[in-house]
PDB file of N, CA and C in Angstrom:
ATOM      1  N   MET A   1       1.362   5.965 -16.646  1.00  0.00           N
ATOM      2  CA  MET A   1       0.459   4.832 -16.630  1.00  0.00           C
ATOM      3  C   MET A   1       0.733   3.927 -17.833  1.00  0.00           C
ATOM      4  N   ALA A   2       0.732   2.635 -17.639  1.00  0.00           N
ATOM      5  CA  ALA A   2       1.015   1.674 -18.699  1.00  0.00           C
ATOM      6  C   ALA A   2      -0.171   1.626 -19.675  1.00  0.00           C
ATOM      7  N   GLU A   3       0.231   1.444 -20.956  1.00  0.00           N
ATOM      8  CA  GLU A   3      -0.768   1.364 -22.035  1.00  0.00           C
ATOM      9  C   GLU A   3      -1.334  -0.073 -22.075  1.00  0.00           C
ATOM     10  N   ARG A   4      -2.631  -0.193 -22.156  1.00  0.00           N
ATOM     11  CA  ARG A   4      -3.293  -1.492 -22.262  1.00  0.00           C
ATOM     12  C   ARG A   4      -3.188  -2.030 -23.665  1.00  0.00           C
ATOM     13  N   ARG A   5      -2.749  -3.298 -23.831  1.00  0.00           N
ATOM     14  CA  ARG A   5      -2.693  -3.886 -25.170  1.00  0.00           C
ATOM     15  C   ARG A   5      -3.422  -5.186 -25.126  1.00  0.00           C
ATOM     16  N   SER A   6      -3.891  -5.627 -26.274  1.00  0.00           N
ATOM     17  CA  SER A   6      -4.522  -6.935 -26.346  1.00  0.00           C
ATOM     18  C   SER A   6      -3.444  -8.017 -26.324  1.00  0.00           C
ATOM     19  N   LEU A   7      -3.786  -9.180 -25.994  1.00  0.00           N
ATOM     20  CA  LEU A   7      -2.883 -10.316 -25.930  1.00  0.00           C
ATOM     21  C   LEU A   7      -2.242 -10.550 -27.289  1.00  0.00           C
ATOM     22  N   SER A   8      -3.022 -10.464 -28.348  1.00  0.00           N
ATOM     23  CA  SER A   8      -2.523 -10.691 -29.697  1.00  0.00           C
ATOM     24  C   SER A   8      -1.490  -9.635 -30.089  1.00  0.00           C
ATOM     25  N   THR A   9      -1.697  -8.414 -29.666  1.00  0.00           N
ATOM     26  CA  THR A   9      -0.757  -7.321 -29.951  1.00  0.00           C
ATOM     27  C   THR A   9       0.572  -7.590 -29.183  1.00  0.00           C
ATOM     28  N   ALA A  10       0.438  -7.977 -27.928  1.00  0.00           N
ATOM     29  CA  ALA A  10       1.602  -8.258 -27.110  1.00  0.00           C
ATOM     30  C   ALA A  10       2.417  -9.412 -27.623  1.00  0.00           C
ATOM     31  N   ILE A  11       1.755 -10.475 -28.100  1.00  0.00           N
ATOM     32  CA  ILE A  11       2.449 -11.648 -28.651  1.00  0.00           C
ATOM     33  C   ILE A  11       3.202 -11.254 -29.877  1.00  0.00           C
ATOM     34  N   LYS A  12       2.625 -10.412 -30.745  1.00  0.00           N
ATOM     35  CA  LYS A  12       3.313 -10.024 -31.959  1.00  0.00           C
ATOM     36  C   LYS A  12       4.540  -9.161 -31.682  1.00  0.00           C
ATOM     37  N   SER A  13       4.653  -8.546 -30.520  1.00  0.00           N
ATOM     38  CA  SER A  13       5.760  -7.687 -30.194  1.00  0.00           C
ATOM     39  C   SER A  13       6.967  -8.381 -29.627  1.00  0.00           C
ATOM     40  N   VAL A  14       6.839  -9.750 -29.377  1.00  0.00           N
ATOM     41  CA  VAL A  14       7.939 -10.549 -28.868  1.00  0.00           C
ATOM     42  C   VAL A  14       8.859 -10.916 -30.020  1.00  0.00           C
ATOM     43  N   PRO A  15      10.088 -10.460 -30.002  1.00  0.00           N
ATOM     44  CA  PRO A  15      11.029 -10.759 -31.119  1.00  0.00           C
ATOM     45  C   PRO A  15      11.341 -12.249 -31.185  1.00  0.00           C
ATOM     46  N   ASN A  16      11.414 -12.777 -32.414  1.00  0.00           N
ATOM     47  CA  ASN A  16      11.780 -14.181 -32.766  1.00  0.00           C
ATOM     48  C   ASN A  16      10.842 -15.187 -32.079  1.00  0.00           C
ATOM     49  N   ALA A  17       9.625 -14.787 -31.743  1.00  0.00           N
ATOM     50  CA  ALA A  17       8.720 -15.781 -31.122  1.00  0.00           C
ATOM     51  C   ALA A  17       7.869 -16.420 -32.221  1.00  0.00           C
ATOM     52  N   ASP A  18       7.695 -17.782 -32.110  1.00  0.00           N
ATOM     53  CA  ASP A  18       6.831 -18.540 -32.955  1.00  0.00           C
ATOM     54  C   ASP A  18       5.394 -18.281 -32.512  1.00  0.00           C
ATOM     55  N   PRO A  19       4.581 -17.591 -33.328  1.00  0.00           N
ATOM     56  CA  PRO A  19       3.210 -17.275 -32.897  1.00  0.00           C
ATOM     57  C   PRO A  19       2.390 -18.501 -32.584  1.00  0.00           C
ATOM     58  N   VAL A  20       2.622 -19.607 -33.290  1.00  0.00           N
ATOM     59  CA  VAL A  20       1.887 -20.872 -33.038  1.00  0.00           C
ATOM     60  C   VAL A  20       2.282 -21.452 -31.685  1.00  0.00           C
ATOM     61  N   ALA A  21       3.542 -21.408 -31.348  1.00  0.00           N
ATOM     62  CA  ALA A  21       4.029 -21.935 -30.079  1.00  0.00           C
ATOM     63  C   ALA A  21       3.511 -21.030 -28.924  1.00  0.00           C
ATOM     64  N   VAL A  22       3.546 -19.787 -29.149  1.00  0.00           N
ATOM     65  CA  VAL A  22       3.086 -18.786 -28.116  1.00  0.00           C
ATOM     66  C   VAL A  22       1.598 -19.041 -27.870  1.00  0.00           C
ATOM     67  N   ARG A  23       0.801 -19.165 -28.910  1.00  0.00           N
ATOM     68  CA  ARG A  23      -0.647 -19.386 -28.765  1.00  0.00           C
ATOM     69  C   ARG A  23      -0.898 -20.725 -28.044  1.00  0.00           C
ATOM     70  N   ALA A  24      -0.164 -21.762 -28.427  1.00  0.00           N
ATOM     71  CA  ALA A  24      -0.299 -23.054 -27.750  1.00  0.00           C
ATOM     72  C   ALA A  24       0.026 -22.978 -26.296  1.00  0.00           C
ATOM     73  N   PHE A  25       1.060 -22.189 -25.977  1.00  0.00           N
ATOM     74  CA  PHE A  25       1.434 -22.020 -24.547  1.00  0.00           C
ATOM     75  C   PHE A  25       0.323 -21.298 -23.776  1.00  0.00           C
ATOM     76  N   VAL A  26      -0.166 -20.226 -24.358  1.00  0.00           N
ATOM     77  CA  VAL A  26      -1.145 -19.445 -23.660  1.00  0.00           C
ATOM     78  C   VAL A  26      -2.487 -20.229 -23.477  1.00  0.00           C
ATOM     79  N   THR A  27      -2.844 -21.028 -24.494  1.00  0.00           N
ATOM     80  CA  THR A  27      -4.106 -21.734 -24.374  1.00  0.00           C
ATOM     81  C   THR A  27      -3.916 -23.154 -23.833  1.00  0.00           C
ATOM     82  N   GLN A  28      -2.663 -23.510 -23.454  1.00  0.00           N
ATOM     83  CA  GLN A  28      -2.350 -24.822 -22.912  1.00  0.00           C
ATOM     84  C   GLN A  28      -2.718 -25.999 -23.833  1.00  0.00           C
ATOM     85  N   GLU A  29      -2.410 -25.790 -25.078  1.00  0.00           N
ATOM     86  CA  GLU A  29      -2.629 -26.855 -26.060  1.00  0.00           C
ATOM     87  C   GLU A  29      -1.314 -27.552 -26.416  1.00  0.00           C
ATOM     88  N   ILE A  30      -1.464 -28.803 -26.771  1.00  0.00           N
ATOM     89  CA  ILE A  30      -0.282 -29.610 -27.138  1.00  0.00           C
ATOM     90  C   ILE A  30      -0.374 -29.916 -28.619  1.00  0.00           C
ATOM     91  N   LYS A  31       0.687 -29.697 -29.397  1.00  0.00           N
ATOM     92  CA  LYS A  31       0.716 -29.985 -30.806  1.00  0.00           C
ATOM     93  C   LYS A  31       1.315 -31.366 -31.023  1.00  0.00           C
ATOM     94  N   SER A  32       0.633 -32.194 -31.805  1.00  0.00           N
ATOM     95  CA  SER A  32       1.197 -33.494 -32.113  1.00  0.00           C
ATOM     96  C   SER A  32       1.157 -33.716 -33.630  1.00  0.00           C
ATOM     97  N   ALA A  33       2.285 -34.236 -34.147  1.00  0.00           N
ATOM     98  CA  ALA A  33       2.386 -34.404 -35.617  1.00  0.00           C
ATOM     99  C   ALA A  33       1.781 -35.787 -35.946  1.00  0.00           C
ATOM    100  N   GLN A  34       1.033 -35.807 -37.071  1.00  0.00           N
ATOM    101  CA  GLN A  34       0.520 -37.040 -37.549  1.00  0.00           C
ATOM    102  C   GLN A  34       0.890 -37.164 -39.015  1.00  0.00           C
ATOM    103  N   ALA A  35       1.277 -38.411 -39.403  1.00  0.00           N
ATOM    104  CA  ALA A  35       1.609 -38.629 -40.845  1.00  0.00           C
ATOM    105  C   ALA A  35       0.309 -38.928 -41.541  1.00  0.00           C
ATOM    106  N   SER A  36       0.183 -38.395 -42.726  1.00  0.00           N
ATOM    107  CA  SER A  36      -0.978 -38.628 -43.543  1.00  0.00           C
ATOM    108  C   SER A  36      -0.536 -38.716 -44.957  1.00  0.00           C
ATOM    109  N   PRO A  37      -1.391 -39.180 -45.862  1.00  0.00           N
ATOM    110  CA  PRO A  37      -1.020 -39.249 -47.309  1.00  0.00           C
ATOM    111  C   PRO A  37      -0.554 -37.873 -47.843  1.00  0.00           C
ATOM    112  N   GLU A  38      -1.112 -36.777 -47.370  1.00  0.00           N
ATOM    113  CA  GLU A  38      -0.715 -35.479 -47.874  1.00  0.00           C
ATOM    114  C   GLU A  38       0.588 -34.987 -47.223  1.00  0.00           C
ATOM    115  N   GLY A  39       1.133 -35.698 -46.254  1.00  0.00           N
ATOM    116  CA  GLY A  39       2.303 -35.269 -45.545  1.00  0.00           C
ATOM    117  C   GLY A  39       1.986 -35.103 -44.088  1.00  0.00           C
ATOM    118  N   ALA A  40       2.910 -34.567 -43.355  1.00  0.00           N
ATOM    119  CA  ALA A  40       2.724 -34.368 -41.885  1.00  0.00           C
ATOM    120  C   ALA A  40       1.784 -33.213 -41.663  1.00  0.00           C
ATOM    121  N   LYS A  41       0.805 -33.436 -40.793  1.00  0.00           N
ATOM    122  CA  LYS A  41      -0.179 -32.409 -40.395  1.00  0.00           C
ATOM    123  C   LYS A  41      -0.054 -32.296 -38.881  1.00  0.00           C
ATOM    124  N   SER A  42      -0.346 -31.157 -38.368  1.00  0.00           N
ATOM    125  CA  SER A  42      -0.396 -31.057 -36.895  1.00  0.00           C
ATOM    126  C   SER A  42      -1.794 -30.976 -36.475  1.00  0.00           C
ATOM    127  N   GLN A  43      -2.042 -31.616 -35.333  1.00  0.00           N
ATOM    128  CA  GLN A  43      -3.424 -31.659 -34.769  1.00  0.00           C
ATOM    129  C   GLN A  43      -3.314 -31.060 -33.364  1.00  0.00           C
ATOM    130  N   THR A  44      -4.255 -30.206 -33.046  1.00  0.00           N
ATOM    131  CA  THR A  44      -4.272 -29.571 -31.713  1.00  0.00           C
ATOM    132  C   THR A  44      -5.021 -30.516 -30.775  1.00  0.00           C
ATOM    133  N   VAL A  45      -4.386 -30.823 -29.646  1.00  0.00           N
ATOM    134  CA  VAL A  45      -4.979 -31.653 -28.592  1.00  0.00           C
ATOM    135  C   VAL A  45      -4.944 -30.859 -27.314  1.00  0.00           C
ATOM    136  N   VAL A  46      -6.040 -30.742 -26.680  1.00  0.00           N
ATOM    137  CA  VAL A  46      -6.089 -29.999 -25.393  1.00  0.00           C
ATOM    138  C   VAL A  46      -5.615 -30.981 -24.338  1.00  0.00           C
ATOM    139  N   SER A  47      -4.689 -30.562 -23.499  1.00  0.00           N
ATOM    140  CA  SER A  47      -4.150 -31.396 -22.445  1.00  0.00           C
ATOM    141  C   SER A  47      -5.180 -31.715 -21.420  1.00  0.00           C
ATOM    142  N   ALA A  48      -5.495 -33.036 -21.197  1.00  0.00           N
ATOM    143  CA  ALA A  48      -6.432 -33.416 -20.147  1.00  0.00           C
ATOM    144  C   ALA A  48      -5.852 -33.339 -18.764  1.00  0.00           C
ATOM    145  N   SER A  49      -4.526 -33.336 -18.692  1.00  0.00           N
ATOM    146  CA  SER A  49      -3.878 -33.315 -17.352  1.00  0.00           C
ATOM    147  C   SER A  49      -3.569 -31.919 -16.865  1.00  0.00           C
ATOM    148  N   PHE A  50      -3.905 -30.886 -17.577  1.00  0.00           N
ATOM    149  CA  PHE A  50      -3.627 -29.506 -17.170  1.00  0.00           C
ATOM    150  C   PHE A  50      -4.460 -29.167 -15.900  1.00  0.00           C
ATOM    151  N   GLN A  51      -3.753 -28.739 -14.895  1.00  0.00           N
ATOM    152  CA  GLN A  51      -4.376 -28.285 -13.637  1.00  0.00           C
ATOM    153  C   GLN A  51      -3.934 -26.892 -13.378  1.00  0.00           C
ATOM    154  N   PRO A  52      -4.823 -25.897 -13.296  1.00  0.00           N
ATOM    155  CA  PRO A  52      -4.403 -24.518 -13.013  1.00  0.00           C
ATOM    156  C   PRO A  52      -3.779 -24.483 -11.611  1.00  0.00           C
ATOM    157  N   VAL A  53      -2.888 -23.489 -11.447  1.00  0.00           N
ATOM    158  CA  VAL A  53      -2.244 -23.312 -10.155  1.00  0.00           C
ATOM    159  C   VAL A  53      -2.857 -22.041  -9.530  1.00  0.00           C
ATOM    160  N   GLY A  54      -3.077 -22.124  -8.222  1.00  0.00           N
ATOM    161  CA  GLY A  54      -3.624 -20.971  -7.518  1.00  0.00           C
ATOM    162  C   GLY A  54      -5.146 -21.000  -7.459  1.00  0.00           C
ATOM    163  N   LEU A  55      -5.732 -19.869  -7.221  1.00  0.00           N
ATOM    164  CA  LEU A  55      -7.208 -19.771  -7.156  1.00  0.00           C
ATOM    165  C   LEU A  55      -7.737 -19.205  -8.504  1.00  0.00           C
ATOM    166  N   ILE A  56      -8.898 -19.757  -8.868  1.00  0.00           N
ATOM    167  CA  ILE A  56      -9.522 -19.288 -10.071  1.00  0.00           C
ATOM    168  C   ILE A  56     -10.689 -18.388  -9.658  1.00  0.00           C
ATOM    169  N   PRO A  57     -10.718 -17.173 -10.144  1.00  0.00           N
ATOM    170  CA  PRO A  57     -11.810 -16.268  -9.726  1.00  0.00           C
ATOM    171  C   PRO A  57     -13.103 -16.616 -10.450  1.00  0.00           C
ATOM    172  N   ILE A  58     -14.163 -16.709  -9.664  1.00  0.00           N
ATOM    173  CA  ILE A  58     -15.526 -16.895 -10.234  1.00  0.00           C
ATOM    174  C   ILE A  58     -16.416 -15.844  -9.598  1.00  0.00           C
ATOM    175  N   THR A  59     -17.511 -15.595 -10.170  1.00  0.00           N
ATOM    176  CA  THR A  59     -18.484 -14.651  -9.631  1.00  0.00           C
ATOM    177  C   THR A  59     -19.839 -15.351  -9.477  1.00  0.00           C
ATOM    178  N   VAL A  60     -20.401 -15.179  -8.299  1.00  0.00           N
ATOM    179  CA  VAL A  60     -21.750 -15.667  -8.039  1.00  0.00           C
ATOM    180  C   VAL A  60     -22.517 -14.567  -7.390  1.00  0.00           C
ATOM    181  N   ARG A  61     -23.842 -14.656  -7.496  1.00  0.00           N
ATOM    182  CA  ARG A  61     -24.724 -13.662  -6.863  1.00  0.00           C
ATOM    183  C   ARG A  61     -25.492 -14.412  -5.754  1.00  0.00           C
ATOM    184  N   LEU A  62     -25.502 -13.870  -4.554  1.00  0.00           N
ATOM    185  CA  LEU A  62     -26.221 -14.488  -3.471  1.00  0.00           C
ATOM    186  C   LEU A  62     -27.352 -13.590  -3.011  1.00  0.00           C
ATOM    187  N   ARG A  63     -28.379 -14.231  -2.512  1.00  0.00           N
ATOM    188  CA  ARG A  63     -29.486 -13.470  -1.909  1.00  0.00           C
ATOM    189  C   ARG A  63     -28.918 -12.714  -0.723  1.00  0.00           C
ATOM    190  N   PRO A  64     -29.473 -11.535  -0.432  1.00  0.00           N
ATOM    191  CA  PRO A  64     -28.960 -10.724   0.628  1.00  0.00           C
ATOM    192  C   PRO A  64     -28.874 -11.433   2.024  1.00  0.00           C
ATOM    193  N   GLU A  65     -29.831 -12.242   2.315  1.00  0.00           N
ATOM    194  CA  GLU A  65     -29.802 -12.953   3.628  1.00  0.00           C
ATOM    195  C   GLU A  65     -28.637 -13.988   3.699  1.00  0.00           C
ATOM    196  N   ILE A  66     -28.331 -14.616   2.576  1.00  0.00           N
ATOM    197  CA  ILE A  66     -27.197 -15.590   2.558  1.00  0.00           C
ATOM    198  C   ILE A  66     -25.892 -14.841   2.625  1.00  0.00           C
ATOM    199  N   ALA A  67     -25.749 -13.776   1.834  1.00  0.00           N
ATOM    200  CA  ALA A  67     -24.489 -12.965   1.923  1.00  0.00           C
ATOM    201  C   ALA A  67     -24.289 -12.358   3.307  1.00  0.00           C
ATOM    202  N   GLY A  68     -25.352 -11.887   3.931  1.00  0.00           N
ATOM    203  CA  GLY A  68     -25.240 -11.323   5.273  1.00  0.00           C
ATOM    204  C   GLY A  68     -24.860 -12.391   6.318  1.00  0.00           C
ATOM    205  N   ALA A  69     -25.472 -13.607   6.165  1.00  0.00           N
ATOM    206  CA  ALA A  69     -25.152 -14.700   7.112  1.00  0.00           C
ATOM    207  C   ALA A  69     -23.713 -15.175   6.914  1.00  0.00           C
ATOM    208  N   LEU A  70     -23.234 -15.153   5.670  1.00  0.00           N
ATOM    209  CA  LEU A  70     -21.842 -15.541   5.413  1.00  0.00           C
ATOM    210  C   LEU A  70     -20.884 -14.527   6.046  1.00  0.00           C
ATOM    211  N   LYS A  71     -21.167 -13.269   5.842  1.00  0.00           N
ATOM    212  CA  LYS A  71     -20.259 -12.237   6.434  1.00  0.00           C
ATOM    213  C   LYS A  71     -20.322 -12.321   7.953  1.00  0.00           C
ATOM    214  N   ARG A  72     -21.490 -12.477   8.530  1.00  0.00           N
ATOM    215  CA  ARG A  72     -21.611 -12.623   9.992  1.00  0.00           C
ATOM    216  C   ARG A  72     -20.848 -13.857  10.500  1.00  0.00           C
ATOM    217  N   ALA A  73     -20.997 -15.009   9.854  1.00  0.00           N
ATOM    218  CA  ALA A  73     -20.306 -16.181  10.271  1.00  0.00           C
ATOM    219  C   ALA A  73     -18.795 -15.993  10.155  1.00  0.00           C
ATOM    220  N   SER A  74     -18.362 -15.290   9.138  1.00  0.00           N
ATOM    221  CA  SER A  74     -16.934 -15.049   8.951  1.00  0.00           C
ATOM    222  C   SER A  74     -16.406 -14.201  10.090  1.00  0.00           C
ATOM    223  N   LEU A  75     -17.092 -13.127  10.406  1.00  0.00           N
ATOM    224  CA  LEU A  75     -16.659 -12.210  11.480  1.00  0.00           C
ATOM    225  C   LEU A  75     -16.712 -12.928  12.860  1.00  0.00           C
ATOM    226  N   GLU A  76     -17.720 -13.672  13.097  1.00  0.00           N
ATOM    227  CA  GLU A  76     -17.812 -14.402  14.402  1.00  0.00           C
ATOM    228  C   GLU A  76     -16.672 -15.409  14.510  1.00  0.00           C
ATOM    229  N   ARG A  77     -16.359 -16.117  13.416  1.00  0.00           N
ATOM    230  CA  ARG A  77     -15.267 -17.070  13.460  1.00  0.00           C
ATOM    231  C   ARG A  77     -13.915 -16.409  13.633  1.00  0.00           C
ATOM    232  N   GLN A  78     -13.755 -15.240  13.035  1.00  0.00           N
ATOM    233  CA  GLN A  78     -12.556 -14.478  13.200  1.00  0.00           C
ATOM    234  C   GLN A  78     -12.359 -14.033  14.638  1.00  0.00           C
ATOM    235  N   LEU A  79     -13.440 -13.512  15.254  1.00  0.00           N
ATOM    236  CA  LEU A  79     -13.337 -13.101  16.619  1.00  0.00           C
ATOM    237  C   LEU A  79     -13.107 -14.281  17.599  1.00  0.00           C
ATOM    238  N   ALA A  80     -13.573 -15.478  17.211  1.00  0.00           N
ATOM    239  CA  ALA A  80     -13.399 -16.650  18.054  1.00  0.00           C
ATOM    240  C   ALA A  80     -12.057 -17.314  17.828  1.00  0.00           C
ATOM    241  N   ALA A  81     -11.227 -16.670  16.910  1.00  0.00           N
ATOM    242  CA  ALA A  81      -9.948 -17.270  16.552  1.00  0.00           C
ATOM    243  C   ALA A  81     -10.092 -18.676  15.984  1.00  0.00           C
ATOM    244  N   ALA A  82     -11.099 -18.894  15.165  1.00  0.00           N
ATOM    245  CA  ALA A  82     -11.328 -20.214  14.556  1.00  0.00           C
ATOM    246  C   ALA A  82     -10.223 -20.527  13.563  1.00  0.00           C
ATOM    247  N   GLU A  83     -10.045 -21.837  13.323  1.00  0.00           N
ATOM    248  CA  GLU A  83      -8.956 -22.264  12.364  1.00  0.00           C
ATOM    249  C   GLU A  83      -9.119 -21.628  10.989  1.00  0.00           C
ATOM    250  N   PHE A  84     -10.333 -21.595  10.431  1.00  0.00           N
ATOM    251  CA  PHE A  84     -10.576 -20.914   9.188  1.00  0.00           C
ATOM    252  C   PHE A  84     -11.730 -19.972   9.428  1.00  0.00           C
ATOM    253  N   PHE A  85     -11.611 -18.753   8.866  1.00  0.00           N
ATOM    254  CA  PHE A  85     -12.718 -17.793   9.091  1.00  0.00           C
ATOM    255  C   PHE A  85     -13.084 -16.952   7.888  1.00  0.00           C
ATOM    256  N   SER A  86     -12.260 -16.933   6.895  1.00  0.00           N
ATOM    257  CA  SER A  86     -12.565 -16.033   5.765  1.00  0.00           C
ATOM    258  C   SER A  86     -13.774 -16.532   4.995  1.00  0.00           C
ATOM    259  N   GLN A  87     -14.443 -15.583   4.336  1.00  0.00           N
ATOM    260  CA  GLN A  87     -15.557 -15.965   3.506  1.00  0.00           C
ATOM    261  C   GLN A  87     -15.120 -16.939   2.429  1.00  0.00           C
ATOM    262  N   GLN A  88     -13.926 -16.728   1.852  1.00  0.00           N
ATOM    263  CA  GLN A  88     -13.370 -17.605   0.840  1.00  0.00           C
ATOM    264  C   GLN A  88     -13.311 -19.050   1.378  1.00  0.00           C
ATOM    265  N   GLU A  89     -12.722 -19.236   2.586  1.00  0.00           N
ATOM    266  CA  GLU A  89     -12.577 -20.569   3.132  1.00  0.00           C
ATOM    267  C   GLU A  89     -13.897 -21.243   3.463  1.00  0.00           C
ATOM    268  N   ILE A  90     -14.848 -20.448   4.046  1.00  0.00           N
ATOM    269  CA  ILE A  90     -16.159 -20.969   4.375  1.00  0.00           C
ATOM    270  C   ILE A  90     -16.870 -21.467   3.105  1.00  0.00           C
ATOM    271  N   VAL A  91     -16.902 -20.627   2.089  1.00  0.00           N
ATOM    272  CA  VAL A  91     -17.609 -21.010   0.832  1.00  0.00           C
ATOM    273  C   VAL A  91     -16.896 -22.222   0.173  1.00  0.00           C
ATOM    274  N   GLU A  92     -15.577 -22.170   0.137  1.00  0.00           N
ATOM    275  CA  GLU A  92     -14.832 -23.269  -0.489  1.00  0.00           C
ATOM    276  C   GLU A  92     -15.085 -24.586   0.203  1.00  0.00           C
ATOM    277  N   ARG A  93     -15.055 -24.631   1.534  1.00  0.00           N
ATOM    278  CA  ARG A  93     -15.282 -25.846   2.259  1.00  0.00           C
ATOM    279  C   ARG A  93     -16.755 -26.334   2.123  1.00  0.00           C
ATOM    280  N   ALA A  94     -17.710 -25.443   2.171  1.00  0.00           N
ATOM    281  CA  ALA A  94     -19.102 -25.813   1.996  1.00  0.00           C
ATOM    282  C   ALA A  94     -19.372 -26.366   0.619  1.00  0.00           C
ATOM    283  N   LEU A  95     -18.815 -25.668  -0.395  1.00  0.00           N
ATOM    284  CA  LEU A  95     -19.040 -26.154  -1.779  1.00  0.00           C
ATOM    285  C   LEU A  95     -18.365 -27.456  -2.028  1.00  0.00           C
ATOM    286  N   ALA A  96     -17.117 -27.624  -1.510  1.00  0.00           N
ATOM    287  CA  ALA A  96     -16.391 -28.903  -1.658  1.00  0.00           C
ATOM    288  C   ALA A  96     -17.192 -30.063  -1.037  1.00  0.00           C
ATOM    289  N   ALA A  97     -17.757 -29.858   0.151  1.00  0.00           N
ATOM    290  CA  ALA A  97     -18.543 -30.890   0.809  1.00  0.00           C
ATOM    291  C   ALA A  97     -19.777 -31.254  -0.037  1.00  0.00           C
ATOM    292  N   TRP A  98     -20.468 -30.210  -0.567  1.00  0.00           N
ATOM    293  CA  TRP A  98     -21.609 -30.440  -1.440  1.00  0.00           C
ATOM    294  C   TRP A  98     -21.239 -31.220  -2.669  1.00  0.00           C
ATOM    295  N   LEU A  99     -20.156 -30.804  -3.315  1.00  0.00           N
ATOM    296  CA  LEU A  99     -19.709 -31.529  -4.518  1.00  0.00           C
ATOM    297  C   LEU A  99     -19.328 -32.979  -4.293  1.00  0.00           C
ATOM    298  N   ARG A 100     -18.678 -33.210  -3.131  1.00  0.00           N
ATOM    299  CA  ARG A 100     -18.326 -34.624  -2.772  1.00  0.00           C
ATOM    300  C   ARG A 100     -19.605 -35.442  -2.600  1.00  0.00           C
ATOM    301  N   GLU A 101     -20.597 -34.899  -1.883  1.00  0.00           N
ATOM    302  CA  GLU A 101     -21.806 -35.619  -1.649  1.00  0.00           C
ATOM    303  C   GLU A 101     -22.610 -35.891  -2.941  1.00  0.00           C
ATOM    304  N   ASN A 102     -22.475 -35.008  -3.938  1.00  0.00           N
ATOM    305  CA  ASN A 102     -23.201 -35.066  -5.104  1.00  0.00           C
ATOM    306  C   ASN A 102     -22.408 -35.652  -6.318  1.00  0.00           C
ATOM    307  N   GLY A 103     -21.220 -36.190  -6.038  1.00  0.00           N
ATOM    308  CA  GLY A 103     -20.436 -36.849  -7.072  1.00  0.00           C
ATOM    309  C   GLY A 103     -19.677 -35.921  -7.984  1.00  0.00           C
ATOM    310  N   GLY A 104     -19.516 -34.652  -7.631  1.00  0.00           N
ATOM    311  CA  GLY A 104     -18.801 -33.721  -8.501  1.00  0.00           C
ATOM    312  C   GLY A 104     -17.359 -33.518  -8.134  1.00  0.00           C
ATOM    313  N   LEU A 105     -16.894 -34.138  -7.043  1.00  0.00           N
ATOM    314  CA  LEU A 105     -15.514 -33.931  -6.583  1.00  0.00           C
ATOM    315  C   LEU A 105     -14.986 -35.276  -6.077  1.00  0.00           C
ATOM    316  N   ASN A 106     -13.826 -35.660  -6.575  1.00  0.00           N
ATOM    317  CA  ASN A 106     -13.264 -36.999  -6.204  1.00  0.00           C
ATOM    318  C   ASN A 106     -12.210 -36.938  -5.193  1.00  0.00           C
ATOM    319  N   SER A 107     -12.319 -36.225  -4.134  1.00  0.00           N
ATOM    320  CA  SER A 107     -11.317 -36.252  -3.071  1.00  0.00           C
ATOM    321  C   SER A 107     -11.795 -35.743  -1.746  1.00  0.00           C
TER     322      SER A 107
END
């Protein structure tokens, strides 16, 4: 079985790796140099254009009647060979519609 290590321990074990560059990569930060009277300083700027790839796991808690209705709808749609039927797709589409209506999603 593989030994679990912290990210900081794993980063330190990479030979010839610049720890600042590795940390910037992991946290998706961009380093920019600025000239100042004391000399060049680096400033950390978080990239505004960073878009994660894939699905981002989140956890929510639902009342039992909503969770049951979601599962039932998913199974009924699967049996009817609907275009989308998974709980993931149903929740994602419902949430996207709600966010569009309430100004939280721009597409």
